[in-house]
Each structure stands twice: as structure tokens, then as C-alpha cells.
Amino acid sequence: MLACDTPVPTAASESIYADIIFRSGQCRAAAPEPVLEVVRSQQQFDHLVHEFDRHSLGATPGSLPVDFDSLNVLLLELGYWPTAGYSFSLNDTGIRVENNEASLVVQWEEPAKDSIQAQVTINPCVIFTLPKGAYARVTVDFRNKNSRLSVSLK
């Protein structure tokens, strides 16, 4: 997918890369606002994937092993929306690390006002990894939405 073998950042300002390890159009969002949270264990990750996959026809349960010793694992949910057409993507896989913070930009997409969309509640999400390094906080900026989320890795 995206970069997998990335050196651990040590300088005051470096780039690292995200690796999307799970994506779904139907997650568990309980509010219309985006949510960013840290996934702290293999057990929590397996539970999330199982919970999200239950909405997918033909999904097969199983474990996707993640190296939690060398990777930070984060869940980014868009929130729930009343129609299809809302989505987001990691706009730039190069994430800047400065001042103890990793910052990434997310492209927010909304359906055109005059478009016809399926009347179905959606709640898309991605689970992505970042190599552990010289940062203790992750910040997500939503382009086109003027919104920002931040989470501590501690």
C-alpha cells in the first residue's frame, strides 16, 4: 500500500510515512464528528477489525498481526453521515514530525449539493500505522473542512 519500511525519525524535523492497514465504509461512529484514537494492543485492533467487518458481506474473521513495539496504530473515523458521498483520504503519505508532534493532512470530501446520493447512513474509517519515533502526539488536519484532531500517544 503505502510505505512500510521507514527509518525511525531522530531529527527535529523529518518526514515519516503512514501505512493504511484497514479501511471500511461502515465503522462504529456514534457521532457526526470525526474521531482520532490510538489503538494500544493487538487485542483491541482485532476487536475493531472484527466489529467493522461484520458490516461487510463475505468478510472472513482473522487476525492481521501488527508490531506494536515499533509502530503506533491509529484509528481515524469520519463520523456518521445520512447519505453516501462523504469520504476522506490521507492526502499526503509524508507526515511531518516537528516539536514532538507528527502532523498529517486528510482530504475531506462531501457530495455536491445538487447530487443524488443513496439514502444510507455511512461512517467510514481507516486504521493506519506510523513508525514510533521522536514524537508523542499525532495531529490530523482536515483539508476543506478547517477542522483539526489531535491525540497523545502516551
C-alpha atoms as a PDB file:
ATOM      1  CA  MET A   1       0.000   0.000   0.000  1.00  0.00           C
ATOM      2  CA  LEU A   2       1.969   2.927   1.329  1.00  0.00           C
ATOM      3  CA  ALA A   3       5.465   2.962   2.753  1.00  0.00           C
ATOM      4  CA  CYS A   4       6.223   0.055   5.061  1.00  0.00           C
ATOM      5  CA  ASP A   5       9.950   0.179   5.809  1.00  0.00           C
ATOM      6  CA  THR A   6      10.588   3.624   7.206  1.00  0.00           C
ATOM      7  CA  PRO A   7      13.524   4.673   9.379  1.00  0.00           C
ATOM      8  CA  VAL A   8      12.683   5.968  12.832  1.00  0.00           C
ATOM      9  CA  PRO A   9      12.886   9.776  12.808  1.00  0.00           C
ATOM     10  CA  THR A  10      15.525  11.286  15.040  1.00  0.00           C
ATOM     11  CA  ALA A  11      15.948  14.844  13.780  1.00  0.00           C
ATOM     12  CA  ALA A  12      13.904  17.806  14.953  1.00  0.00           C
ATOM     13  CA  SER A  13      12.043  17.912  11.621  1.00  0.00           C
ATOM     14  CA  GLU A  14      11.686  14.811   9.461  1.00  0.00           C
ATOM     15  CA  SER A  15       9.107  13.007   7.366  1.00  0.00           C
ATOM     16  CA  ILE A  16       7.664   9.618   8.225  1.00  0.00           C
ATOM     17  CA  TYR A  17       5.109   7.606   6.295  1.00  0.00           C
ATOM     18  CA  ALA A  18       1.675   6.208   7.071  1.00  0.00           C
ATOM     19  CA  ASP A  19       0.629   2.708   6.170  1.00  0.00           C
ATOM     20  CA  ILE A  20      -3.123   2.087   5.917  1.00  0.00           C
ATOM     21  CA  ILE A  21      -3.773  -1.387   7.287  1.00  0.00           C
ATOM     22  CA  PHE A  22      -7.594  -1.346   7.362  1.00  0.00           C
ATOM     23  CA  ARG A  23     -10.311   0.672   5.628  1.00  0.00           C
ATOM     24  CA  SER A  24     -14.096   0.418   5.894  1.00  0.00           C
ATOM     25  CA  GLY A  25     -17.169   2.383   4.863  1.00  0.00           C
ATOM     26  CA  GLN A  26     -19.114   1.197   7.908  1.00  0.00           C
ATOM     27  CA  CYS A  27     -17.415   1.643  11.247  1.00  0.00           C
ATOM     28  CA  ARG A  28     -18.779   2.301  14.718  1.00  0.00           C
ATOM     29  CA  ALA A  29     -19.129   6.083  14.717  1.00  0.00           C
ATOM     30  CA  ALA A  30     -21.507   7.279  17.391  1.00  0.00           C
ATOM     31  CA  ALA A  31     -21.377  10.986  16.489  1.00  0.00           C
ATOM     32  CA  PRO A  32     -21.250  13.087  13.318  1.00  0.00           C
ATOM     33  CA  GLU A  33     -17.819  14.436  14.189  1.00  0.00           C
ATOM     34  CA  PRO A  34     -14.525  12.800  13.193  1.00  0.00           C
ATOM     35  CA  VAL A  35     -12.628  10.886  15.879  1.00  0.00           C
ATOM     36  CA  LEU A  36      -8.920  10.069  16.170  1.00  0.00           C
ATOM     37  CA  GLU A  37      -7.824   7.479  18.709  1.00  0.00           C
ATOM     38  CA  VAL A  38      -4.818   5.334  19.491  1.00  0.00           C
ATOM     39  CA  VAL A  39      -5.162   1.552  19.188  1.00  0.00           C
ATOM     40  CA  ARG A  40      -2.988   0.246  22.007  1.00  0.00           C
ATOM     41  CA  SER A  41      -2.924  -3.541  21.597  1.00  0.00           C
ATOM     42  CA  GLN A  42      -3.299  -6.421  19.154  1.00  0.00           C
ATOM     43  CA  GLN A  43      -6.425  -7.480  21.045  1.00  0.00           C
ATOM     44  CA  GLN A  44      -8.022  -4.030  20.640  1.00  0.00           C
ATOM     45  CA  PHE A  45      -7.056  -3.955  16.948  1.00  0.00           C
ATOM     46  CA  ASP A  46      -8.526  -7.445  16.328  1.00  0.00           C
ATOM     47  CA  HIS A  47     -11.737  -6.424  18.117  1.00  0.00           C
ATOM     48  CA  LEU A  48     -12.090  -3.273  15.969  1.00  0.00           C
ATOM     49  CA  VAL A  49     -11.482  -5.131  12.701  1.00  0.00           C
ATOM     50  CA  HIS A  50     -13.995  -7.817  13.692  1.00  0.00           C
ATOM     51  CA  GLU A  51     -16.550  -5.158  14.686  1.00  0.00           C
ATOM     52  CA  PHE A  52     -16.111  -3.235  11.411  1.00  0.00           C
ATOM     53  CA  ASP A  53     -16.025  -6.338   9.198  1.00  0.00           C
ATOM     54  CA  ARG A  54     -19.386  -7.543  10.483  1.00  0.00           C
ATOM     55  CA  HIS A  55     -20.917  -4.950   8.130  1.00  0.00           C
ATOM     56  CA  SER A  56     -19.193  -6.437   5.068  1.00  0.00           C
ATOM     57  CA  LEU A  57     -20.628  -9.291   3.032  1.00  0.00           C
ATOM     58  CA  GLY A  58     -18.099 -12.066   2.595  1.00  0.00           C
ATOM     59  CA  ALA A  59     -15.722 -10.775   5.268  1.00  0.00           C
ATOM     60  CA  THR A  60     -13.716 -13.532   6.876  1.00  0.00           C
ATOM     61  CA  PRO A  61     -12.690 -13.162  10.500  1.00  0.00           C
ATOM     62  CA  GLY A  62      -8.991 -13.318  11.174  1.00  0.00           C
ATOM     63  CA  SER A  63      -6.117 -11.516  12.754  1.00  0.00           C
ATOM     64  CA  LEU A  64      -3.853  -9.052  10.988  1.00  0.00           C
ATOM     65  CA  PRO A  65      -0.644  -9.123  13.052  1.00  0.00           C
ATOM     66  CA  VAL A  66       0.776  -5.690  13.901  1.00  0.00           C
ATOM     67  CA  ASP A  67       4.147  -4.953  15.507  1.00  0.00           C
ATOM     68  CA  PHE A  68       3.031  -2.725  18.369  1.00  0.00           C
ATOM     69  CA  ASP A  69       6.629  -2.485  19.617  1.00  0.00           C
ATOM     70  CA  SER A  70       7.759  -0.493  16.575  1.00  0.00           C
ATOM     71  CA  LEU A  71       4.506   1.024  15.290  1.00  0.00           C
ATOM     72  CA  ASN A  72       1.884   3.465  16.539  1.00  0.00           C
ATOM     73  CA  VAL A  73      -1.563   2.326  15.415  1.00  0.00           C
ATOM     74  CA  LEU A  74      -4.302   4.934  14.992  1.00  0.00           C
ATOM     75  CA  LEU A  75      -7.991   4.814  14.127  1.00  0.00           C
ATOM     76  CA  LEU A  76      -9.491   7.748  12.226  1.00  0.00           C
ATOM     77  CA  GLU A  77     -13.288   7.759  11.909  1.00  0.00           C
ATOM     78  CA  LEU A  78     -15.179  10.285   9.800  1.00  0.00           C
ATOM     79  CA  GLY A  79     -18.346  10.131  11.909  1.00  0.00           C
ATOM     80  CA  TYR A  80     -21.795   9.125  10.662  1.00  0.00           C
ATOM     81  CA  TRP A  81     -23.472  10.792   7.705  1.00  0.00           C
ATOM     82  CA  PRO A  82     -27.008  10.420   6.292  1.00  0.00           C
ATOM     83  CA  THR A  83     -26.072   9.721   2.665  1.00  0.00           C
ATOM     84  CA  ALA A  84     -23.321   8.222   0.563  1.00  0.00           C
ATOM     85  CA  GLY A  85     -20.711  10.566  -0.886  1.00  0.00           C
ATOM     86  CA  TYR A  86     -18.826  11.565   2.263  1.00  0.00           C
ATOM     87  CA  SER A  87     -15.262  10.295   2.433  1.00  0.00           C
ATOM     88  CA  PHE A  88     -11.701  11.116   3.347  1.00  0.00           C
ATOM     89  CA  SER A  89      -8.245  10.072   2.290  1.00  0.00           C
ATOM     90  CA  LEU A  90      -4.756  10.523   3.625  1.00  0.00           C
ATOM     91  CA  ASN A  91      -3.777  13.330   1.272  1.00  0.00           C
ATOM     92  CA  ASP A  92      -0.044  13.114   1.789  1.00  0.00           C
ATOM     93  CA  THR A  93       1.670   9.956   2.941  1.00  0.00           C
ATOM     94  CA  GLY A  94       4.688  12.005   4.034  1.00  0.00           C
ATOM     95  CA  ILE A  95       3.928  13.099   7.584  1.00  0.00           C
ATOM     96  CA  ARG A  96       5.939  15.913   9.093  1.00  0.00           C
ATOM     97  CA  VAL A  97       7.433  15.490  12.559  1.00  0.00           C
ATOM     98  CA  GLU A  98       8.237  18.733  14.377  1.00  0.00           C
ATOM     99  CA  ASN A  99       8.241  19.801  18.017  1.00  0.00           C
ATOM    100  CA  ASN A 100       7.333  16.358  19.358  1.00  0.00           C
ATOM    101  CA  GLU A 101       4.283  16.155  17.039  1.00  0.00           C
ATOM    102  CA  ALA A 102       3.529  14.163  13.880  1.00  0.00           C
ATOM    103  CA  SER A 103       1.143  16.045  11.569  1.00  0.00           C
ATOM    104  CA  LEU A 104      -0.780  14.643   8.657  1.00  0.00           C
ATOM    105  CA  VAL A 105      -3.296  16.144   6.232  1.00  0.00           C
ATOM    106  CA  VAL A 106      -6.565  14.440   5.378  1.00  0.00           C
ATOM    107  CA  GLN A 107      -8.607  15.351   2.296  1.00  0.00           C
ATOM    108  CA  TRP A 108     -12.289  15.663   3.269  1.00  0.00           C
ATOM    109  CA  GLU A 109     -14.836  15.024   0.504  1.00  0.00           C
ATOM    110  CA  GLU A 110     -18.538  15.868   0.615  1.00  0.00           C
ATOM    111  CA  PRO A 111     -21.142  15.189  -2.078  1.00  0.00           C
ATOM    112  CA  ALA A 112     -22.063  18.111  -4.324  1.00  0.00           C
ATOM    113  CA  LYS A 113     -25.173  19.928  -3.094  1.00  0.00           C
ATOM    114  CA  ASP A 114     -27.116  19.120  -6.272  1.00  0.00           C
ATOM    115  CA  SER A 115     -26.003  15.476  -6.490  1.00  0.00           C
ATOM    116  CA  ILE A 116     -28.215  12.473  -5.934  1.00  0.00           C
ATOM    117  CA  GLN A 117     -26.886  10.169  -3.220  1.00  0.00           C
ATOM    118  CA  ALA A 118     -28.061   6.887  -1.773  1.00  0.00           C
ATOM    119  CA  GLN A 119     -30.043   7.405   1.432  1.00  0.00           C
ATOM    120  CA  VAL A 120     -27.866   5.206   3.605  1.00  0.00           C
ATOM    121  CA  THR A 121     -26.053   6.047   6.804  1.00  0.00           C
ATOM    122  CA  ILE A 122     -22.296   5.735   6.360  1.00  0.00           C
ATOM    123  CA  ASN A 123     -19.452   6.011   8.849  1.00  0.00           C
ATOM    124  CA  PRO A 124     -16.108   5.481   7.086  1.00  0.00           C
ATOM    125  CA  CYS A 125     -12.811   4.917   8.869  1.00  0.00           C
ATOM    126  CA  VAL A 126      -9.189   3.926   8.363  1.00  0.00           C
ATOM    127  CA  ILE A 127      -6.709   2.300  10.699  1.00  0.00           C
ATOM    128  CA  PHE A 128      -3.154   3.317   9.899  1.00  0.00           C
ATOM    129  CA  THR A 129       0.306   2.899  11.368  1.00  0.00           C
ATOM    130  CA  LEU A 130       3.181   5.311  11.903  1.00  0.00           C
ATOM    131  CA  PRO A 131       6.655   4.208  12.935  1.00  0.00           C
ATOM    132  CA  LYS A 132       7.427   5.042  16.547  1.00  0.00           C
ATOM    133  CA  GLY A 133       9.852   7.911  16.821  1.00  0.00           C
ATOM    134  CA  ALA A 134      10.639  11.354  18.178  1.00  0.00           C
ATOM    135  CA  TYR A 135       7.028  12.424  18.712  1.00  0.00           C
ATOM    136  CA  ALA A 136       4.407  11.922  21.424  1.00  0.00           C
ATOM    137  CA  ARG A 137       1.382  13.459  19.686  1.00  0.00           C
ATOM    138  CA  VAL A 138      -0.374  12.954  16.333  1.00  0.00           C
ATOM    139  CA  THR A 139      -2.410  15.729  14.722  1.00  0.00           C
ATOM    140  CA  VAL A 140      -4.750  15.370  11.756  1.00  0.00           C
ATOM    141  CA  ASP A 141      -5.750  18.440   9.731  1.00  0.00           C
ATOM    142  CA  PHE A 142      -8.862  18.057   7.561  1.00  0.00           C
ATOM    143  CA  ARG A 143      -8.346  19.975   4.351  1.00  0.00           C
ATOM    144  CA  ASN A 144     -11.576  21.580   3.020  1.00  0.00           C
ATOM    145  CA  LYS A 145     -13.174  21.332   6.467  1.00  0.00           C
ATOM    146  CA  ASN A 146     -10.969  23.629   8.587  1.00  0.00           C
ATOM    147  CA  SER A 147     -11.014  21.045  11.339  1.00  0.00           C
ATOM    148  CA  ARG A 148      -8.224  19.504  13.397  1.00  0.00           C
ATOM    149  CA  LEU A 149      -7.913  16.498  15.696  1.00  0.00           C
ATOM    150  CA  SER A 150      -5.039  15.645  17.991  1.00  0.00           C
ATOM    151  CA  VAL A 151      -4.243  12.675  20.218  1.00  0.00           C
ATOM    152  CA  SER A 152      -1.486  11.893  22.688  1.00  0.00           C
ATOM    153  CA  LEU A 153       0.396   8.626  22.204  1.00  0.00           C
ATOM    154  CA  LYS A 154       1.144   8.316  25.933  1.00  0.00           C
END
